[in-house]
Amino acid sequence: MPRPRHLLIALAALAAALAASAPAALAGPIVPASGVYLGAFANEPGGITALESAIGRTLALDRSYMPWTFTGWANRVAPDVAAGRIPELAWSAAPTTTAAAIAAGSQDGIIKRAARAMRDTGTDIMLVPWYEFDQPRGHPRFIGGPKRVVAAWRRMVGLFRAVGATNVHFVWTPMAYDFGAHANVDARSFYPGNAYVHWIGADAYNFPGVPFRTQAELLNPAVAFATLHRKPFIVGETASLGSDPSTPAWITAYGAWAALHPAVKAVNFFDSISPKGNDFRLIAHPALLAAFTTLGQESDMQAMP
C-alpha cells in the first residue's frame, strides 16, 4: 500500500537525524596483516628521505606536526603517496583553540575544510588530533579536561564522516606515563569510545633526570588498554637521549618488545631536538643510527602499507 507523501518526508527526516546523531562509521583498516609499521618524525637536514637513505629502506610512516589552521594538506601528503608511506599528521588545537570551543561548534568551519581537503587527497591518512591532550593545565598543549576533550573529539569525528572523509584514520594518543601508577591524570578518562577511534597510541620517552625505563615499563599499561578495546596500538612518539650509552640497545629492543604484544602494530621515532632542547636525533648520533638501522632490518619491523 503506498505511503502518504508527508509520512515519507517525515521518515526521511528521522533517518537523517539518526544518522547525524549516531557514532561515526569507521574507515577501512590499514593495520598490517603481519609485522609492525616503522616510522619517524625525521627533523634533521634532508628530512625523511635523508633518514631513509641513511638506513637503506623506506619507512612505513612519516609523522609531522600541523597547526590548527593548516591548509596545505594535499601538498603535505603528496611525497608520502609517491614514496609508498602513510602520512601521519599530528594536528594541534592548542594554542589556537580549546576543546570547549570545538565541542560548542565554533571550530566547525576549520574542521570541515580540513576534512574535505584530506578526503580529496584520496589516500589513507593517520590523523593524530591534539596529541598528548592529557598534558596538565598550563602546558602549551592543554586544551581542556577529559569531558571536554571527549565531546570535542566526538564532534570532530562526526564532521569528518559527514563530509565523507572515510580515508582518515583517527589515532588517539595520550602520554604513556598517564596510564601508569604515577599518572598525573588517568589517560583512559579521555577516551571517546571505540566508535570514534581507529588506533590507540601513547608517547613514551626516556627523559634526562629520571630513571631509565624499558619499553615494558613505559608502555605495557597503554598496550593493555588497546588490547582491552581491541584496537591496534601505535607508539606515537618515542626516543631516548643520544648522549645516553643505554639508548642504542634500547632502540633495538623495540623489536623484541613488539613481538611480545600482538596489539603493537606501529612504532614511530622522534628524530629531532625537542622543544626543551633534548637531543633525540638519530643521524647526528652514529650509534643511534646504527641501532635504528638494525631495528629496521628485522623482518617483523618491515611491514609496509
Protein backbone atom coordinates (compact mmCIF):
# COMPACT_ATOMS: atom_id res chain seq x y z
CA MET A 1 0.00 0.00 0.00
CA PRO A 2 1.52 3.39 -0.95
CA ARG A 3 2.53 5.60 1.98
CA PRO A 4 1.39 9.24 2.14
CA ARG A 5 3.96 11.71 0.93
CA HIS A 6 4.07 13.53 4.27
CA LEU A 7 4.88 10.24 6.01
CA LEU A 8 7.76 9.55 3.61
CA ILE A 9 9.15 13.02 4.24
CA ALA A 10 8.89 12.51 7.98
CA LEU A 11 10.65 9.14 7.76
CA ALA A 12 13.43 10.64 5.66
CA ALA A 13 13.89 13.44 8.17
CA LEU A 14 14.02 10.94 11.04
CA ALA A 15 16.63 8.83 9.21
CA ALA A 16 18.77 11.91 8.61
CA ALA A 17 18.54 12.90 12.26
CA LEU A 18 19.52 9.43 13.42
CA ALA A 19 22.46 9.35 11.03
CA ALA A 20 23.68 12.69 12.32
CA SER A 21 23.46 11.61 15.94
CA ALA A 22 24.89 8.10 15.55
CA PRO A 23 28.55 7.31 16.15
CA ALA A 24 30.62 7.86 13.05
CA ALA A 25 31.29 4.88 10.83
CA LEU A 26 34.90 3.79 10.89
CA ALA A 27 37.23 3.82 7.90
CA GLY A 28 38.57 0.65 6.39
CA PRO A 29 41.53 -1.00 8.12
CA ILE A 30 45.12 -0.02 7.35
CA VAL A 31 46.54 -2.30 10.03
CA PRO A 32 49.39 -4.51 8.75
CA ALA A 33 48.33 -8.13 8.40
CA SER A 34 51.65 -9.10 9.94
CA GLY A 35 54.60 -7.25 11.38
CA VAL A 36 54.91 -3.66 12.54
CA TYR A 37 55.00 -0.33 10.71
CA LEU A 38 58.19 1.60 11.46
CA GLY A 39 58.16 5.37 11.09
CA ALA A 40 59.68 8.61 12.25
CA PHE A 41 59.34 12.30 12.72
CA ALA A 42 62.52 12.99 10.76
CA ASN A 43 63.56 16.53 11.66
CA GLU A 44 67.20 16.51 10.64
CA PRO A 45 68.57 18.06 7.43
CA GLY A 46 67.04 16.31 4.44
CA GLY A 47 64.01 15.08 6.39
CA ILE A 48 62.64 11.60 5.98
CA THR A 49 64.37 10.95 2.65
CA ALA A 50 67.76 11.58 4.28
CA LEU A 51 66.90 9.22 7.13
CA GLU A 52 65.71 6.56 4.71
CA SER A 53 68.88 6.90 2.67
CA ALA A 54 70.96 6.51 5.83
CA ILE A 55 69.19 3.30 6.91
CA GLY A 56 68.75 1.83 3.43
CA ARG A 57 64.98 1.41 3.38
CA THR A 58 61.67 3.22 3.02
CA LEU A 59 59.79 3.83 6.25
CA ALA A 60 56.11 3.00 6.54
CA LEU A 61 55.03 6.15 8.40
CA ASP A 62 56.02 9.79 8.03
CA ARG A 63 54.99 11.82 11.07
CA SER A 64 54.76 15.60 11.05
CA TYR A 65 53.06 18.35 13.06
CA MET A 66 50.37 20.65 11.71
CA PRO A 67 48.92 23.80 13.31
CA TRP A 68 45.17 24.11 13.75
CA THR A 69 44.64 26.44 10.79
CA PHE A 70 46.88 24.49 8.39
CA THR A 71 45.53 24.31 4.83
CA GLY A 72 48.21 22.64 2.70
CA TRP A 73 47.07 19.06 3.24
CA ALA A 74 47.40 17.90 -0.36
CA ASN A 75 50.96 19.20 -0.71
CA ARG A 76 51.91 17.65 2.62
CA VAL A 77 50.78 14.11 1.78
CA ALA A 78 51.89 14.02 -1.87
CA PRO A 79 55.54 12.98 -1.21
CA ASP A 80 54.38 10.16 1.05
CA VAL A 81 51.94 8.88 -1.55
CA ALA A 82 54.75 8.85 -4.12
CA ALA A 83 57.10 7.01 -1.76
CA GLY A 84 54.56 4.45 -0.54
CA ARG A 85 54.38 5.77 3.02
CA ILE A 86 51.34 6.57 5.16
CA PRO A 87 51.29 10.23 6.22
CA GLU A 88 50.83 10.50 9.97
CA LEU A 89 49.67 14.02 10.78
CA ALA A 90 49.68 15.31 14.35
CA TRP A 91 47.16 18.15 14.36
CA SER A 92 47.49 20.66 17.21
CA ALA A 93 44.46 22.51 18.54
CA ALA A 94 46.49 24.48 21.10
CA PRO A 95 47.25 27.30 21.39
CA THR A 96 44.71 28.43 18.78
CA THR A 97 41.58 26.91 20.30
CA THR A 98 40.24 24.72 23.09
CA ALA A 99 38.23 21.55 23.48
CA ALA A 100 35.30 23.57 24.78
CA ALA A 101 35.26 25.73 21.65
CA ILE A 102 35.46 22.68 19.39
CA ALA A 103 32.66 20.91 21.26
CA ALA A 104 30.49 24.05 21.08
CA GLY A 105 30.82 24.17 17.29
CA SER A 106 32.79 27.38 16.85
CA GLN A 107 35.56 25.49 15.04
CA ASP A 108 33.29 23.56 12.67
CA GLY A 109 34.39 25.59 9.65
CA ILE A 110 38.07 24.83 10.20
CA ILE A 111 37.35 21.15 10.81
CA LYS A 112 35.14 20.76 7.74
CA ARG A 113 37.69 22.47 5.48
CA ALA A 114 40.42 20.19 6.76
CA ALA A 115 38.20 17.13 6.42
CA ARG A 116 37.31 17.95 2.81
CA ALA A 117 40.93 18.62 1.94
CA MET A 118 42.07 15.32 3.45
CA ARG A 119 39.20 13.48 1.77
CA ASP A 120 40.17 14.92 -1.58
CA THR A 121 43.74 13.60 -1.33
CA GLY A 122 42.27 10.15 -1.97
CA THR A 123 44.88 8.46 0.21
CA ASP A 124 44.88 6.90 3.67
CA ILE A 125 45.89 9.36 6.36
CA MET A 126 46.59 8.66 10.01
CA LEU A 127 45.36 11.76 11.84
CA VAL A 128 46.57 12.38 15.39
CA PRO A 129 44.37 15.15 16.78
CA TRP A 130 45.64 17.08 19.78
CA TYR A 131 48.43 14.63 20.60
CA GLU A 132 49.16 14.45 24.34
CA PHE A 133 45.81 16.08 25.15
CA ASP A 134 46.30 14.82 28.72
CA GLN A 135 49.01 17.40 29.40
CA PRO A 136 48.27 19.38 32.60
CA ARG A 137 46.71 22.81 32.82
CA GLY A 138 49.33 25.43 31.99
CA HIS A 139 51.13 23.23 29.47
CA PRO A 140 51.24 24.62 25.88
CA ARG A 141 49.19 21.65 24.61
CA PHE A 142 46.49 21.75 27.30
CA ILE A 143 43.05 22.20 25.68
CA GLY A 144 40.71 21.09 28.46
CA GLY A 145 39.75 18.32 30.86
CA PRO A 146 38.57 14.81 29.95
CA LYS A 147 34.85 15.53 29.46
CA ARG A 148 35.53 18.45 27.15
CA VAL A 149 38.16 16.60 25.14
CA VAL A 150 35.80 13.63 24.68
CA ALA A 151 32.98 15.90 23.49
CA ALA A 152 35.30 17.76 21.12
CA TRP A 153 36.74 14.54 19.71
CA ARG A 154 33.31 13.09 19.00
CA ARG A 155 32.17 16.26 17.28
CA MET A 156 35.31 16.37 15.14
CA VAL A 157 34.97 12.75 14.01
CA GLY A 158 31.32 13.28 13.21
CA LEU A 159 32.17 16.25 11.00
CA PHE A 160 34.82 14.27 9.12
CA ARG A 161 32.34 11.47 8.48
CA ALA A 162 29.63 13.90 7.45
CA VAL A 163 31.77 15.08 4.53
CA GLY A 164 32.78 11.54 3.57
CA ALA A 165 36.41 11.65 4.76
CA THR A 166 36.50 7.90 5.35
CA ASN A 167 40.14 7.72 4.28
CA VAL A 168 41.11 9.44 7.55
CA HIS A 169 42.06 7.11 10.41
CA PHE A 170 41.86 8.64 13.89
CA VAL A 171 44.76 7.98 16.25
CA TRP A 172 44.09 8.64 19.93
CA THR A 173 47.45 9.35 21.59
CA PRO A 174 47.94 10.47 25.20
CA MET A 175 51.20 10.17 27.14
CA ALA A 176 52.22 6.66 28.17
CA TYR A 177 53.03 7.98 31.64
CA ASP A 178 49.36 8.70 32.29
CA PHE A 179 48.43 5.03 32.05
CA GLY A 180 50.78 4.13 34.91
CA ALA A 181 50.64 4.09 38.67
CA HIS A 182 52.15 7.57 38.98
CA ALA A 183 49.96 9.29 36.37
CA ASN A 184 49.13 12.96 36.73
CA VAL A 185 45.70 12.22 35.24
CA ASP A 186 44.08 8.98 34.10
CA ALA A 187 44.62 8.88 30.33
CA ARG A 188 41.69 6.48 30.00
CA SER A 189 39.26 9.17 31.13
CA PHE A 190 39.90 10.97 27.82
CA TYR A 191 38.83 8.00 25.68
CA PRO A 192 35.87 8.93 23.42
CA GLY A 193 34.79 5.35 22.72
CA ASN A 194 35.62 2.68 20.18
CA ALA A 195 33.27 4.11 17.55
CA TYR A 196 35.40 7.25 17.34
CA VAL A 197 38.91 5.76 17.30
CA HIS A 198 40.84 3.59 14.83
CA TRP A 199 44.17 3.34 16.64
CA ILE A 200 45.12 3.72 20.29
CA GLY A 201 48.61 5.04 20.94
CA ALA A 202 50.91 6.58 23.51
CA ASP A 203 54.06 8.70 23.54
CA ALA A 204 56.98 7.30 25.54
CA TYR A 205 60.41 8.81 26.26
CA ASN A 206 63.47 8.38 28.38
CA PHE A 207 64.00 11.93 29.58
CA PRO A 208 67.02 13.29 31.47
CA GLY A 209 66.84 13.37 35.26
CA VAL A 210 64.50 10.39 35.66
CA PRO A 211 65.21 6.63 35.88
CA PHE A 212 65.92 4.95 32.54
CA ARG A 213 62.96 2.71 31.65
CA THR A 214 62.40 -0.22 29.33
CA GLN A 215 59.61 -0.42 26.79
CA ALA A 216 57.68 -2.70 29.13
CA GLU A 217 57.91 -0.19 31.97
CA LEU A 218 56.94 2.71 29.74
CA LEU A 219 54.28 1.21 27.52
CA ASN A 220 52.74 -2.03 28.78
CA PRO A 221 49.81 -0.36 30.61
CA ALA A 222 48.91 1.58 27.46
CA VAL A 223 49.14 -1.56 25.30
CA ALA A 224 46.88 -3.36 27.77
CA PHE A 225 44.27 -0.62 27.29
CA ALA A 226 44.44 -1.00 23.50
CA THR A 227 44.15 -4.78 23.82
CA LEU A 228 41.11 -4.40 26.07
CA HIS A 229 39.44 -2.24 23.41
CA ARG A 230 40.57 -4.46 20.53
CA LYS A 231 42.38 -1.64 18.79
CA PRO A 232 45.78 -1.67 17.08
CA PHE A 233 48.43 0.10 19.12
CA ILE A 234 50.92 2.68 17.87
CA VAL A 235 53.88 4.13 19.70
CA GLY A 236 53.17 7.67 18.54
CA GLU A 237 56.46 9.23 19.59
CA THR A 238 59.40 7.58 21.26
CA ALA A 239 63.05 8.46 21.85
CA SER A 240 65.90 8.35 24.30
CA LEU A 241 68.80 10.76 24.65
CA GLY A 242 71.57 10.49 22.11
CA SER A 243 74.13 11.05 24.86
CA ASP A 244 72.91 8.11 26.97
CA PRO A 245 75.01 4.98 26.38
CA SER A 246 71.94 2.82 27.07
CA THR A 247 69.97 4.28 24.16
CA PRO A 248 71.28 2.14 21.24
CA ALA A 249 70.35 -1.14 22.93
CA TRP A 250 67.03 0.38 23.97
CA ILE A 251 66.23 1.24 20.35
CA THR A 252 66.94 -2.27 19.08
CA ALA A 253 64.91 -3.73 21.98
CA TYR A 254 61.76 -2.36 20.39
CA GLY A 255 61.65 -5.33 18.03
CA ALA A 256 61.63 -7.98 20.75
CA TRP A 257 59.19 -5.97 22.87
CA ALA A 258 56.74 -5.52 19.97
CA ALA A 259 56.90 -9.23 19.19
CA LEU A 260 55.56 -9.97 22.68
CA HIS A 261 52.50 -7.77 22.15
CA PRO A 262 50.29 -8.65 19.16
CA ALA A 263 48.37 -5.37 19.52
CA VAL A 264 51.50 -3.35 18.70
CA LYS A 265 51.29 -2.51 15.01
CA ALA A 266 53.38 0.66 14.62
CA VAL A 267 56.37 2.38 16.22
CA ASN A 268 57.39 5.95 15.48
CA PHE A 269 60.71 7.50 16.49
CA PHE A 270 61.12 11.18 17.34
CA ASP A 271 64.22 12.06 15.33
CA SER A 272 64.77 15.63 16.45
CA ILE A 273 65.86 18.02 19.15
CA SER A 274 62.82 18.54 21.36
CA PRO A 275 61.33 21.95 22.18
CA LYS A 276 63.05 21.68 25.58
CA GLY A 277 66.43 21.03 23.95
CA ASN A 278 66.67 17.27 24.47
CA ASP A 279 68.73 15.78 21.66
CA PHE A 280 66.98 12.70 20.30
CA ARG A 281 68.46 12.86 16.78
CA LEU A 282 69.37 9.63 15.03
CA ILE A 283 71.66 10.67 12.17
CA ALA A 284 73.60 13.03 14.41
CA HIS A 285 74.49 10.12 16.71
CA PRO A 286 76.09 7.26 14.75
CA ALA A 287 75.43 4.64 17.44
CA LEU A 288 71.73 5.53 17.49
CA LEU A 289 71.55 5.49 13.71
CA ALA A 290 73.19 2.04 13.62
CA ALA A 291 70.68 0.78 16.19
CA PHE A 292 67.74 2.20 14.25
CA THR A 293 69.10 0.64 11.07
CA THR A 294 69.33 -2.74 12.79
CA LEU A 295 65.77 -2.41 14.09
CA GLY A 296 64.53 -1.53 10.62
CA GLN A 297 66.15 -4.63 9.16
CA GLU A 298 64.28 -7.01 11.44
CA SER A 299 61.69 -8.93 9.46
CA ASP A 300 58.88 -8.12 11.89
CA MET A 301 59.59 -4.38 11.57
CA GLN A 302 59.34 -4.24 7.79
CA ALA A 303 55.57 -4.05 7.32
CA MET A 304 54.56 -1.57 4.61
CA PRO A 305 51.19 -0.18 3.56
